[in-house]
């Protein structure tokens, strides 16, 4: 087992819910005055929940998109709660929505500083996936990992942002994979902290 394993924090989960029929958005706004609806600016209703703290976009087509959840379970719970609230208020909802996790965004921190230029120069040909590092445009190294299919943003501070995962397990796989690579060749890619 590796020392100092990165602590992974789920920042946001985006989940979609699809009904087999449309929804009357004007009826939703009438039943829930706190819901936001400006069809001239955006075609959906923004329906916020306090618990779990999420925002769900509801579209006329019957599609819903939930953002802000801290876990897959919370995202599913939020979508089902919105559907129950709509039903309770008299909005016609037939059946349950088909729920799918679309994107998991997470952050993690490595225990050391990372030599991004060194990593980029040595690993661009060997690490499976595509790497991009242009520090004058963006301070992080962008790594499009093939397996799992995610995008990793790696910063010199050791901070990692992982996006594009379809579940929490993919996040853990991706972060652990890059951490293992850096640990294996730590003499090449970790910077020594010089203390004054």
N, C-alpha and C. Protein backbone atom coordinates (compact mmCIF):
# COMPACT_ATOMS: atom_id res chain seq x y z
N UNK A 1 0.84 -1.19 0.00
CA UNK A 1 0.00 0.00 0.00
C UNK A 1 0.88 1.24 0.00
N UNK A 2 0.50 2.24 -0.81
CA UNK A 2 1.30 3.46 -0.93
C UNK A 2 1.10 4.35 0.28
N UNK A 3 2.15 5.09 0.61
CA UNK A 3 2.03 6.07 1.69
C UNK A 3 1.38 7.32 1.12
N UNK A 4 0.75 8.08 1.99
CA UNK A 4 0.16 9.37 1.62
C UNK A 4 -0.76 9.28 0.40
N UNK A 5 -1.70 8.38 0.44
CA UNK A 5 -2.63 8.27 -0.68
C UNK A 5 -3.46 9.55 -0.77
N UNK A 6 -3.74 10.01 -1.99
CA UNK A 6 -4.49 11.26 -2.12
C UNK A 6 -5.91 11.13 -1.57
N UNK A 7 -6.37 12.18 -0.92
CA UNK A 7 -7.75 12.21 -0.42
C UNK A 7 -8.59 12.80 -1.54
N UNK A 8 -9.57 12.04 -1.96
CA UNK A 8 -10.42 12.45 -3.09
C UNK A 8 -11.72 13.03 -2.57
N UNK A 9 -12.09 14.17 -3.12
CA UNK A 9 -13.35 14.82 -2.72
C UNK A 9 -14.22 15.01 -3.95
N UNK A 10 -15.43 14.49 -3.90
CA UNK A 10 -16.38 14.69 -4.99
C UNK A 10 -16.89 16.11 -4.89
N UNK A 11 -16.71 16.89 -5.94
CA UNK A 11 -17.11 18.30 -5.95
C UNK A 11 -18.52 18.50 -6.52
N UNK A 12 -18.84 17.72 -7.56
CA UNK A 12 -20.12 17.91 -8.23
C UNK A 12 -20.46 16.68 -9.05
N UNK A 13 -21.73 16.32 -9.02
CA UNK A 13 -22.20 15.23 -9.88
C UNK A 13 -23.36 15.75 -10.71
N UNK A 14 -23.27 15.50 -12.00
CA UNK A 14 -24.35 15.90 -12.92
C UNK A 14 -25.06 14.62 -13.33
N UNK A 15 -26.37 14.60 -13.10
CA UNK A 15 -27.18 13.42 -13.46
C UNK A 15 -28.37 13.88 -14.29
N UNK A 16 -28.78 13.04 -15.22
CA UNK A 16 -29.97 13.36 -16.02
C UNK A 16 -31.09 12.40 -15.64
N UNK A 17 -32.29 12.90 -15.75
CA UNK A 17 -33.48 12.08 -15.55
C UNK A 17 -34.38 12.29 -16.75
N UNK A 18 -34.86 11.23 -17.35
CA UNK A 18 -35.70 11.36 -18.54
C UNK A 18 -37.03 10.67 -18.33
N UNK A 19 -38.10 11.44 -18.57
CA UNK A 19 -39.46 10.89 -18.51
C UNK A 19 -39.89 10.53 -19.93
N UNK A 20 -40.90 9.66 -20.05
CA UNK A 20 -41.36 9.24 -21.38
C UNK A 20 -42.37 10.22 -21.96
N UNK A 21 -42.55 11.36 -21.29
CA UNK A 21 -43.53 12.35 -21.77
C UNK A 21 -43.05 13.75 -21.39
N UNK A 22 -43.70 14.75 -21.97
CA UNK A 22 -43.35 16.15 -21.69
C UNK A 22 -43.90 16.64 -20.36
N UNK A 23 -43.44 17.84 -19.96
CA UNK A 23 -43.89 18.47 -18.71
C UNK A 23 -44.36 19.88 -19.03
N UNK A 24 -45.50 20.28 -18.44
CA UNK A 24 -46.02 21.64 -18.60
C UNK A 24 -45.23 22.56 -17.67
N UNK A 25 -44.27 23.30 -18.22
CA UNK A 25 -43.41 24.14 -17.40
C UNK A 25 -44.15 25.30 -16.75
N UNK A 26 -45.18 25.83 -17.42
CA UNK A 26 -45.97 26.92 -16.82
C UNK A 26 -46.71 26.42 -15.58
N UNK A 27 -47.17 25.17 -15.63
CA UNK A 27 -47.85 24.58 -14.47
C UNK A 27 -46.85 24.38 -13.32
N UNK A 28 -45.60 24.05 -13.65
CA UNK A 28 -44.57 23.88 -12.62
C UNK A 28 -44.33 25.20 -11.90
N UNK A 29 -44.20 26.28 -12.68
CA UNK A 29 -43.94 27.60 -12.09
C UNK A 29 -45.13 28.08 -11.27
N UNK A 30 -46.33 27.76 -11.74
CA UNK A 30 -47.54 28.14 -11.00
C UNK A 30 -47.59 27.42 -9.65
N UNK A 31 -47.22 26.14 -9.65
CA UNK A 31 -47.24 25.34 -8.41
C UNK A 31 -46.06 25.67 -7.50
N UNK A 32 -44.95 26.11 -8.08
CA UNK A 32 -43.74 26.42 -7.30
C UNK A 32 -43.22 27.80 -7.68
N UNK A 33 -43.76 28.87 -7.05
CA UNK A 33 -43.35 30.23 -7.39
C UNK A 33 -41.86 30.51 -7.21
N UNK A 34 -41.20 29.72 -6.38
CA UNK A 34 -39.76 29.94 -6.18
C UNK A 34 -38.92 29.38 -7.34
N UNK A 35 -39.52 28.56 -8.18
CA UNK A 35 -38.81 28.01 -9.34
C UNK A 35 -38.54 29.16 -10.32
N UNK A 36 -37.38 29.13 -10.95
CA UNK A 36 -36.99 30.20 -11.88
C UNK A 36 -37.28 29.78 -13.31
N UNK A 37 -37.98 30.67 -14.06
CA UNK A 37 -38.31 30.36 -15.45
C UNK A 37 -38.35 31.64 -16.27
N UNK A 38 -37.41 31.77 -17.18
CA UNK A 38 -37.35 32.90 -18.12
C UNK A 38 -37.14 32.31 -19.51
N UNK A 39 -38.22 31.85 -20.16
CA UNK A 39 -38.08 31.14 -21.44
C UNK A 39 -37.37 31.93 -22.54
N UNK A 40 -37.39 33.26 -22.41
CA UNK A 40 -36.70 34.07 -23.43
C UNK A 40 -35.17 34.00 -23.27
N UNK A 41 -34.72 33.62 -22.05
CA UNK A 41 -33.29 33.50 -21.78
C UNK A 41 -32.82 32.06 -21.77
N UNK A 42 -33.65 31.16 -21.20
CA UNK A 42 -33.28 29.75 -21.05
C UNK A 42 -34.54 28.90 -21.13
N UNK A 43 -34.50 27.79 -21.89
CA UNK A 43 -35.73 27.02 -22.12
C UNK A 43 -36.21 26.12 -20.97
N UNK A 44 -35.49 26.12 -19.85
CA UNK A 44 -35.89 25.23 -18.76
C UNK A 44 -36.21 25.95 -17.47
N UNK A 45 -36.88 25.24 -16.58
CA UNK A 45 -37.18 25.73 -15.23
C UNK A 45 -36.03 25.31 -14.32
N UNK A 46 -35.59 26.23 -13.47
CA UNK A 46 -34.56 25.90 -12.48
C UNK A 46 -35.27 25.63 -11.16
N UNK A 47 -35.18 24.40 -10.69
CA UNK A 47 -35.88 23.95 -9.49
C UNK A 47 -34.82 23.61 -8.44
N UNK A 48 -34.75 24.41 -7.38
CA UNK A 48 -33.72 24.22 -6.36
C UNK A 48 -34.28 23.46 -5.15
N UNK A 49 -33.45 22.56 -4.62
CA UNK A 49 -33.77 21.86 -3.39
C UNK A 49 -32.79 22.28 -2.31
N UNK A 50 -33.27 22.39 -1.07
CA UNK A 50 -32.37 22.70 0.04
C UNK A 50 -31.69 21.44 0.55
N UNK A 51 -32.41 20.30 0.48
CA UNK A 51 -31.86 19.04 0.96
C UNK A 51 -32.27 17.91 0.03
N UNK A 52 -31.37 17.26 -0.70
CA UNK A 52 -29.96 17.65 -0.84
C UNK A 52 -29.84 18.95 -1.62
N UNK A 53 -28.81 19.74 -1.31
CA UNK A 53 -28.63 21.06 -1.92
C UNK A 53 -28.23 20.91 -3.39
N UNK A 54 -29.23 21.00 -4.26
CA UNK A 54 -29.02 20.79 -5.70
C UNK A 54 -29.90 21.74 -6.50
N UNK A 55 -29.60 21.83 -7.78
CA UNK A 55 -30.45 22.57 -8.72
C UNK A 55 -30.78 21.60 -9.85
N UNK A 56 -32.07 21.51 -10.19
CA UNK A 56 -32.49 20.63 -11.27
C UNK A 56 -33.12 21.47 -12.37
N UNK A 57 -32.61 21.28 -13.58
CA UNK A 57 -33.18 21.95 -14.75
C UNK A 57 -34.26 21.03 -15.30
N UNK A 58 -35.46 21.57 -15.47
CA UNK A 58 -36.58 20.77 -15.98
C UNK A 58 -36.95 21.34 -17.35
N UNK A 59 -37.00 20.47 -18.36
CA UNK A 59 -37.31 20.90 -19.71
C UNK A 59 -38.68 20.38 -20.15
N UNK A 60 -39.27 21.07 -21.10
CA UNK A 60 -40.60 20.74 -21.63
C UNK A 60 -40.65 19.30 -22.15
N UNK A 61 -39.52 18.82 -22.67
CA UNK A 61 -39.46 17.47 -23.26
C UNK A 61 -39.60 16.35 -22.23
N UNK A 62 -39.46 16.70 -20.93
CA UNK A 62 -39.49 15.69 -19.88
C UNK A 62 -38.09 15.31 -19.42
N UNK A 63 -37.10 16.01 -19.97
CA UNK A 63 -35.71 15.76 -19.54
C UNK A 63 -35.41 16.67 -18.36
N UNK A 64 -34.64 16.14 -17.40
CA UNK A 64 -34.20 16.90 -16.23
C UNK A 64 -32.70 16.71 -16.07
N UNK A 65 -32.02 17.75 -15.61
CA UNK A 65 -30.59 17.67 -15.35
C UNK A 65 -30.34 18.21 -13.95
N UNK A 66 -29.77 17.38 -13.10
CA UNK A 66 -29.50 17.75 -11.71
C UNK A 66 -28.02 18.02 -11.52
N UNK A 67 -27.68 19.15 -10.90
CA UNK A 67 -26.28 19.49 -10.61
C UNK A 67 -26.14 19.84 -9.14
N UNK A 68 -24.90 19.70 -8.64
CA UNK A 68 -24.62 20.12 -7.28
C UNK A 68 -24.58 19.00 -6.26
N UNK A 69 -24.91 17.78 -6.66
CA UNK A 69 -24.91 16.66 -5.71
C UNK A 69 -23.48 16.29 -5.34
N UNK A 70 -23.30 15.76 -4.13
CA UNK A 70 -21.98 15.35 -3.65
C UNK A 70 -21.72 13.87 -3.77
N UNK A 71 -22.71 13.11 -4.27
CA UNK A 71 -22.53 11.67 -4.49
C UNK A 71 -23.56 11.22 -5.52
N UNK A 72 -23.32 10.04 -6.08
CA UNK A 72 -24.27 9.48 -7.05
C UNK A 72 -25.63 9.26 -6.37
N UNK A 73 -25.58 8.75 -5.15
CA UNK A 73 -26.80 8.48 -4.40
C UNK A 73 -27.60 9.76 -4.18
N UNK A 74 -26.88 10.83 -3.83
CA UNK A 74 -27.53 12.13 -3.59
C UNK A 74 -28.17 12.67 -4.87
N UNK A 75 -27.51 12.49 -6.01
CA UNK A 75 -28.05 12.96 -7.29
C UNK A 75 -29.35 12.23 -7.63
N UNK A 76 -29.34 10.91 -7.44
CA UNK A 76 -30.55 10.12 -7.72
C UNK A 76 -31.68 10.50 -6.77
N UNK A 77 -31.32 10.70 -5.50
CA UNK A 77 -32.28 11.09 -4.47
C UNK A 77 -32.92 12.44 -4.82
N UNK A 78 -32.10 13.39 -5.27
CA UNK A 78 -32.59 14.73 -5.62
C UNK A 78 -33.58 14.66 -6.79
N UNK A 79 -33.24 13.90 -7.84
CA UNK A 79 -34.14 13.78 -8.99
C UNK A 79 -35.46 13.14 -8.60
N UNK A 80 -35.41 12.10 -7.77
CA UNK A 80 -36.64 11.44 -7.34
C UNK A 80 -37.48 12.37 -6.45
N UNK A 81 -36.81 13.19 -5.65
CA UNK A 81 -37.52 14.14 -4.78
C UNK A 81 -38.24 15.20 -5.62
N UNK A 82 -37.58 15.68 -6.68
CA UNK A 82 -38.20 16.65 -7.58
C UNK A 82 -39.45 16.04 -8.22
N UNK A 83 -39.33 14.80 -8.70
CA UNK A 83 -40.47 14.12 -9.33
C UNK A 83 -41.62 13.97 -8.34
N UNK A 84 -41.31 13.56 -7.11
CA UNK A 84 -42.37 13.42 -6.06
C UNK A 84 -43.05 14.75 -5.79
N UNK A 85 -42.26 15.83 -5.71
CA UNK A 85 -42.83 17.16 -5.44
C UNK A 85 -43.74 17.60 -6.59
N UNK A 86 -43.31 17.33 -7.82
CA UNK A 86 -44.13 17.69 -8.99
C UNK A 86 -45.45 16.93 -8.96
N UNK A 87 -45.37 15.61 -8.71
CA UNK A 87 -46.58 14.78 -8.65
C UNK A 87 -47.53 15.28 -7.57
N UNK A 88 -46.96 15.56 -6.39
CA UNK A 88 -47.77 16.00 -5.24
C UNK A 88 -48.50 17.31 -5.53
N UNK A 89 -47.91 18.14 -6.37
CA UNK A 89 -48.52 19.44 -6.68
C UNK A 89 -49.54 19.35 -7.82
N UNK A 90 -49.72 18.14 -8.38
CA UNK A 90 -50.72 17.97 -9.42
C UNK A 90 -50.16 17.92 -10.84
N UNK A 91 -48.84 18.01 -11.00
CA UNK A 91 -48.23 17.90 -12.33
C UNK A 91 -48.29 16.42 -12.73
N UNK A 92 -48.74 16.18 -13.94
CA UNK A 92 -48.88 14.78 -14.39
C UNK A 92 -47.50 14.20 -14.71
N UNK A 93 -47.16 13.16 -13.96
CA UNK A 93 -45.91 12.41 -14.15
C UNK A 93 -46.29 10.93 -14.20
N UNK A 94 -45.96 10.28 -15.30
CA UNK A 94 -46.27 8.86 -15.45
C UNK A 94 -44.97 8.06 -15.36
N UNK A 95 -44.95 7.13 -14.43
CA UNK A 95 -43.77 6.28 -14.25
C UNK A 95 -42.62 7.01 -13.57
N UNK A 96 -41.48 6.34 -13.53
CA UNK A 96 -40.28 6.90 -12.89
C UNK A 96 -39.32 7.39 -13.97
N UNK A 97 -38.52 8.41 -13.66
CA UNK A 97 -37.55 8.86 -14.66
C UNK A 97 -36.40 7.86 -14.82
N UNK A 98 -35.87 7.79 -16.02
CA UNK A 98 -34.68 6.98 -16.27
C UNK A 98 -33.49 7.87 -15.89
N UNK A 99 -32.75 7.48 -14.83
CA UNK A 99 -31.67 8.32 -14.30
C UNK A 99 -30.31 7.80 -14.76
N UNK A 100 -29.47 8.74 -15.18
CA UNK A 100 -28.13 8.38 -15.65
C UNK A 100 -27.13 9.41 -15.14
N UNK A 101 -26.01 8.96 -14.59
CA UNK A 101 -24.94 9.87 -14.16
C UNK A 101 -24.19 10.30 -15.41
N UNK A 102 -24.08 11.60 -15.62
CA UNK A 102 -23.43 12.13 -16.83
C UNK A 102 -21.98 12.53 -16.60
N UNK A 103 -21.69 13.08 -15.41
CA UNK A 103 -20.34 13.59 -15.16
C UNK A 103 -20.08 13.66 -13.66
N UNK A 104 -18.91 13.19 -13.27
CA UNK A 104 -18.47 13.31 -11.88
C UNK A 104 -17.22 14.18 -11.88
N UNK A 105 -17.26 15.26 -11.11
CA UNK A 105 -16.10 16.15 -10.98
C UNK A 105 -15.57 16.01 -9.56
N UNK A 106 -14.25 15.78 -9.46
CA UNK A 106 -13.65 15.56 -8.15
C UNK A 106 -12.31 16.28 -8.07
N UNK A 107 -11.85 16.48 -6.83
CA UNK A 107 -10.53 17.07 -6.62
C UNK A 107 -9.75 16.16 -5.68
N UNK A 108 -8.42 16.28 -5.75
CA UNK A 108 -7.54 15.52 -4.87
C UNK A 108 -6.24 16.29 -4.73
N UNK A 109 -5.47 15.96 -3.70
CA UNK A 109 -4.17 16.60 -3.50
C UNK A 109 -3.11 15.54 -3.30
N UNK A 110 -2.01 15.69 -4.03
CA UNK A 110 -0.86 14.82 -3.85
C UNK A 110 -0.01 15.39 -2.72
N UNK A 111 0.79 14.54 -2.06
CA UNK A 111 1.55 15.01 -0.89
C UNK A 111 2.77 15.88 -1.23
N UNK A 112 3.10 16.00 -2.51
CA UNK A 112 4.30 16.74 -2.90
C UNK A 112 4.02 17.65 -4.08
N UNK A 113 4.98 18.57 -4.33
CA UNK A 113 4.91 19.42 -5.52
C UNK A 113 5.30 18.58 -6.73
N UNK A 114 4.75 18.92 -7.90
CA UNK A 114 5.00 18.12 -9.10
C UNK A 114 5.75 18.95 -10.14
N UNK A 115 6.77 18.35 -10.75
CA UNK A 115 7.50 18.97 -11.84
C UNK A 115 6.72 18.70 -13.13
N UNK A 116 5.84 19.62 -13.48
CA UNK A 116 4.97 19.41 -14.63
C UNK A 116 5.74 19.37 -15.95
N UNK A 117 6.72 20.26 -16.09
CA UNK A 117 7.51 20.29 -17.33
C UNK A 117 8.26 18.97 -17.52
N UNK A 118 8.85 18.46 -16.44
CA UNK A 118 9.56 17.19 -16.50
C UNK A 118 8.64 16.05 -16.85
N UNK A 119 7.48 16.02 -16.22
CA UNK A 119 6.50 14.98 -16.48
C UNK A 119 6.07 15.02 -17.95
N UNK A 120 5.78 16.21 -18.43
CA UNK A 120 5.33 16.37 -19.82
C UNK A 120 6.40 15.92 -20.81
N UNK A 121 7.62 16.37 -20.61
CA UNK A 121 8.71 16.03 -21.53
C UNK A 121 8.99 14.53 -21.58
N UNK A 122 8.98 13.87 -20.43
CA UNK A 122 9.34 12.46 -20.38
C UNK A 122 8.19 11.49 -20.66
N UNK A 123 6.99 11.91 -20.34
CA UNK A 123 5.88 10.96 -20.42
C UNK A 123 4.93 11.15 -21.58
N UNK A 124 5.10 12.19 -22.37
CA UNK A 124 4.15 12.46 -23.46
C UNK A 124 4.03 11.27 -24.41
N UNK A 125 5.12 10.50 -24.58
CA UNK A 125 5.10 9.37 -25.51
C UNK A 125 4.69 8.05 -24.83
N UNK A 126 4.90 7.95 -23.53
CA UNK A 126 4.67 6.66 -22.87
C UNK A 126 3.35 6.54 -22.12
N UNK A 127 2.83 7.63 -21.59
CA UNK A 127 1.56 7.52 -20.85
C UNK A 127 0.43 7.43 -21.86
N UNK A 128 -0.41 6.43 -21.65
CA UNK A 128 -1.50 6.24 -22.60
C UNK A 128 -2.53 7.34 -22.42
N UNK A 129 -2.81 8.03 -23.50
CA UNK A 129 -3.71 9.18 -23.46
C UNK A 129 -2.99 10.36 -24.06
N UNK A 130 -3.63 11.50 -24.03
CA UNK A 130 -3.03 12.70 -24.62
C UNK A 130 -2.76 13.73 -23.54
N UNK A 131 -1.58 14.31 -23.61
CA UNK A 131 -1.15 15.31 -22.64
C UNK A 131 -0.97 16.66 -23.31
N UNK A 132 -1.28 17.71 -22.57
CA UNK A 132 -1.06 19.07 -23.07
C UNK A 132 -0.55 19.91 -21.91
N UNK A 133 0.53 20.62 -22.17
CA UNK A 133 1.07 21.50 -21.13
C UNK A 133 1.60 22.76 -21.78
N UNK A 134 0.89 23.85 -21.61
CA UNK A 134 1.27 25.16 -22.13
C UNK A 134 1.12 26.16 -21.00
N UNK A 135 2.14 26.25 -20.11
CA UNK A 135 2.03 27.06 -18.89
C UNK A 135 1.75 28.54 -19.11
N UNK A 136 2.08 29.05 -20.29
CA UNK A 136 1.80 30.47 -20.56
C UNK A 136 0.31 30.71 -20.83
N UNK A 137 -0.42 29.62 -21.13
CA UNK A 137 -1.87 29.74 -21.37
C UNK A 137 -2.70 29.23 -20.20
N UNK A 138 -2.23 28.14 -19.56
CA UNK A 138 -2.97 27.53 -18.46
C UNK A 138 -1.95 26.90 -17.51
N UNK A 139 -2.06 27.14 -16.20
CA UNK A 139 -1.01 26.68 -15.27
C UNK A 139 -0.95 25.18 -15.01
N UNK A 140 -1.91 24.43 -15.48
CA UNK A 140 -1.92 22.99 -15.21
C UNK A 140 -1.61 22.15 -16.43
N UNK A 141 -1.24 20.90 -16.16
CA UNK A 141 -1.04 19.92 -17.22
C UNK A 141 -2.38 19.24 -17.45
N UNK A 142 -2.81 19.15 -18.70
CA UNK A 142 -4.08 18.51 -19.04
C UNK A 142 -3.78 17.13 -19.60
N UNK A 143 -4.34 16.12 -18.97
CA UNK A 143 -4.09 14.74 -19.38
C UNK A 143 -5.43 14.07 -19.67
N UNK A 144 -5.63 13.73 -20.93
CA UNK A 144 -6.85 13.01 -21.34
C UNK A 144 -6.55 11.52 -21.25
N UNK A 145 -6.99 10.94 -20.18
CA UNK A 145 -6.70 9.54 -19.90
C UNK A 145 -7.62 8.64 -20.73
N UNK A 146 -7.07 7.55 -21.23
CA UNK A 146 -7.87 6.62 -22.04
C UNK A 146 -8.68 5.65 -21.20
N UNK A 147 -8.10 5.18 -20.10
CA UNK A 147 -8.78 4.17 -19.30
C UNK A 147 -8.53 4.43 -17.82
N UNK A 148 -9.51 4.93 -17.07
CA UNK A 148 -10.85 5.31 -17.49
C UNK A 148 -10.82 6.57 -18.36
N UNK A 149 -11.89 6.79 -19.08
CA UNK A 149 -11.98 7.90 -20.03
C UNK A 149 -12.35 9.18 -19.26
N UNK A 150 -11.32 9.88 -18.76
CA UNK A 150 -11.52 11.11 -17.98
C UNK A 150 -10.48 12.15 -18.39
N UNK A 151 -10.68 13.38 -17.92
CA UNK A 151 -9.69 14.43 -18.11
C UNK A 151 -9.15 14.80 -16.73
N UNK A 152 -7.82 14.77 -16.62
CA UNK A 152 -7.14 15.12 -15.36
C UNK A 152 -6.44 16.46 -15.56
N UNK A 153 -6.67 17.38 -14.64
CA UNK A 153 -5.90 18.62 -14.59
C UNK A 153 -4.95 18.46 -13.41
N UNK A 154 -3.66 18.53 -13.69
CA UNK A 154 -2.64 18.34 -12.66
C UNK A 154 -1.86 19.64 -12.51
N UNK A 155 -1.78 20.15 -11.29
CA UNK A 155 -1.10 21.42 -11.02
C UNK A 155 0.20 21.18 -10.27
N UNK A 156 1.15 22.11 -10.39
CA UNK A 156 2.46 22.00 -9.75
C UNK A 156 2.34 21.85 -8.24
N UNK A 157 1.29 22.38 -7.65
CA UNK A 157 1.06 22.29 -6.20
C UNK A 157 0.72 20.88 -5.75
N UNK A 158 0.42 19.99 -6.72
CA UNK A 158 0.00 18.63 -6.39
C UNK A 158 -1.51 18.48 -6.41
N UNK A 159 -2.20 19.57 -6.68
CA UNK A 159 -3.67 19.55 -6.74
C UNK A 159 -4.10 18.89 -8.06
N UNK A 160 -5.11 18.04 -7.97
CA UNK A 160 -5.66 17.34 -9.13
C UNK A 160 -7.15 17.66 -9.24
N UNK A 161 -7.62 17.89 -10.45
CA UNK A 161 -9.05 17.98 -10.73
C UNK A 161 -9.34 16.91 -11.77
N UNK A 162 -10.33 16.08 -11.50
CA UNK A 162 -10.72 15.00 -12.41
C UNK A 162 -12.15 15.26 -12.88
N UNK A 163 -12.36 15.25 -14.19
CA UNK A 163 -13.70 15.48 -14.72
C UNK A 163 -13.98 14.49 -15.85
N UNK A 164 -15.26 14.27 -16.12
CA UNK A 164 -15.65 13.38 -17.21
C UNK A 164 -15.94 11.96 -16.79
N UNK A 165 -15.74 11.63 -15.52
CA UNK A 165 -16.01 10.27 -15.04
C UNK A 165 -17.52 10.01 -15.04
N UNK A 166 -17.89 8.76 -15.24
CA UNK A 166 -19.30 8.38 -15.25
C UNK A 166 -19.76 7.81 -13.92
N UNK A 167 -18.79 7.59 -13.02
CA UNK A 167 -19.13 7.15 -11.66
C UNK A 167 -17.95 7.44 -10.74
N UNK A 168 -18.19 7.32 -9.45
CA UNK A 168 -17.16 7.64 -8.46
C UNK A 168 -15.97 6.68 -8.55
N UNK A 169 -16.22 5.43 -8.91
CA UNK A 169 -15.15 4.43 -9.03
C UNK A 169 -14.13 4.86 -10.09
N UNK A 170 -14.60 5.40 -11.21
CA UNK A 170 -13.69 5.87 -12.27
C UNK A 170 -12.78 7.00 -11.76
N UNK A 171 -13.32 7.86 -10.91
CA UNK A 171 -12.52 8.95 -10.33
C UNK A 171 -11.37 8.35 -9.52
N UNK A 172 -11.69 7.39 -8.65
CA UNK A 172 -10.68 6.75 -7.80
C UNK A 172 -9.62 6.04 -8.65
N UNK A 173 -10.06 5.35 -9.70
CA UNK A 173 -9.12 4.66 -10.60
C UNK A 173 -8.16 5.65 -11.23
N UNK A 174 -8.70 6.75 -11.77
CA UNK A 174 -7.89 7.73 -12.49
C UNK A 174 -6.88 8.42 -11.57
N UNK A 175 -7.35 8.89 -10.42
CA UNK A 175 -6.46 9.59 -9.48
C UNK A 175 -5.38 8.64 -8.98
N UNK A 176 -5.75 7.42 -8.63
CA UNK A 176 -4.76 6.44 -8.14
C UNK A 176 -3.75 6.07 -9.22
N UNK A 177 -4.21 6.02 -10.47
CA UNK A 177 -3.32 5.69 -11.58
C UNK A 177 -2.23 6.75 -11.75
N UNK A 178 -2.62 8.01 -11.74
CA UNK A 178 -1.62 9.07 -11.92
C UNK A 178 -0.74 9.17 -10.68
N UNK A 179 -1.31 8.94 -9.51
CA UNK A 179 -0.53 8.96 -8.27
C UNK A 179 0.53 7.85 -8.28
N UNK A 180 0.13 6.64 -8.69
CA UNK A 180 1.06 5.51 -8.75
C UNK A 180 2.22 5.81 -9.69
N UNK A 181 1.89 6.41 -10.85
CA UNK A 181 2.93 6.74 -11.84
C UNK A 181 3.94 7.71 -11.24
N UNK A 182 3.46 8.73 -10.55
CA UNK A 182 4.35 9.71 -9.95
C UNK A 182 5.15 9.11 -8.80
N UNK A 183 4.53 8.22 -8.02
CA UNK A 183 5.23 7.57 -6.91
C UNK A 183 6.34 6.65 -7.41
N UNK A 184 6.05 5.91 -8.49
CA UNK A 184 7.04 4.98 -9.07
C UNK A 184 8.32 5.70 -9.49
N UNK A 185 8.12 6.89 -10.06
CA UNK A 185 9.27 7.63 -10.58
C UNK A 185 9.40 8.97 -9.87
N UNK A 186 9.23 8.93 -8.53
CA UNK A 186 9.20 10.17 -7.74
C UNK A 186 10.46 11.00 -7.87
N UNK A 187 11.62 10.36 -8.10
CA UNK A 187 12.86 11.13 -8.22
C UNK A 187 12.84 12.01 -9.47
N UNK A 188 12.00 11.67 -10.45
CA UNK A 188 11.94 12.45 -11.68
C UNK A 188 10.90 13.57 -11.64
N UNK A 189 9.76 13.30 -11.00
CA UNK A 189 8.63 14.21 -11.15
C UNK A 189 8.22 15.00 -9.92
N UNK A 190 8.71 14.64 -8.75
CA UNK A 190 8.36 15.42 -7.57
C UNK A 190 9.46 16.44 -7.30
N UNK A 191 9.05 17.66 -6.97
CA UNK A 191 10.00 18.72 -6.66
C UNK A 191 10.30 18.69 -5.18
N UNK A 192 11.50 19.02 -4.82
CA UNK A 192 11.85 19.14 -3.40
C UNK A 192 11.45 20.55 -2.95
N UNK A 193 10.83 20.63 -1.79
CA UNK A 193 10.43 21.93 -1.24
C UNK A 193 11.66 22.53 -0.53
N UNK A 194 12.06 23.69 -0.98
CA UNK A 194 13.22 24.36 -0.37
C UNK A 194 12.69 25.31 0.68
N UNK A 195 13.07 25.06 1.92
CA UNK A 195 12.61 25.92 3.02
C UNK A 195 13.65 26.96 3.36
N UNK A 196 13.21 28.21 3.56
CA UNK A 196 14.12 29.32 3.85
C UNK A 196 14.55 29.30 5.29
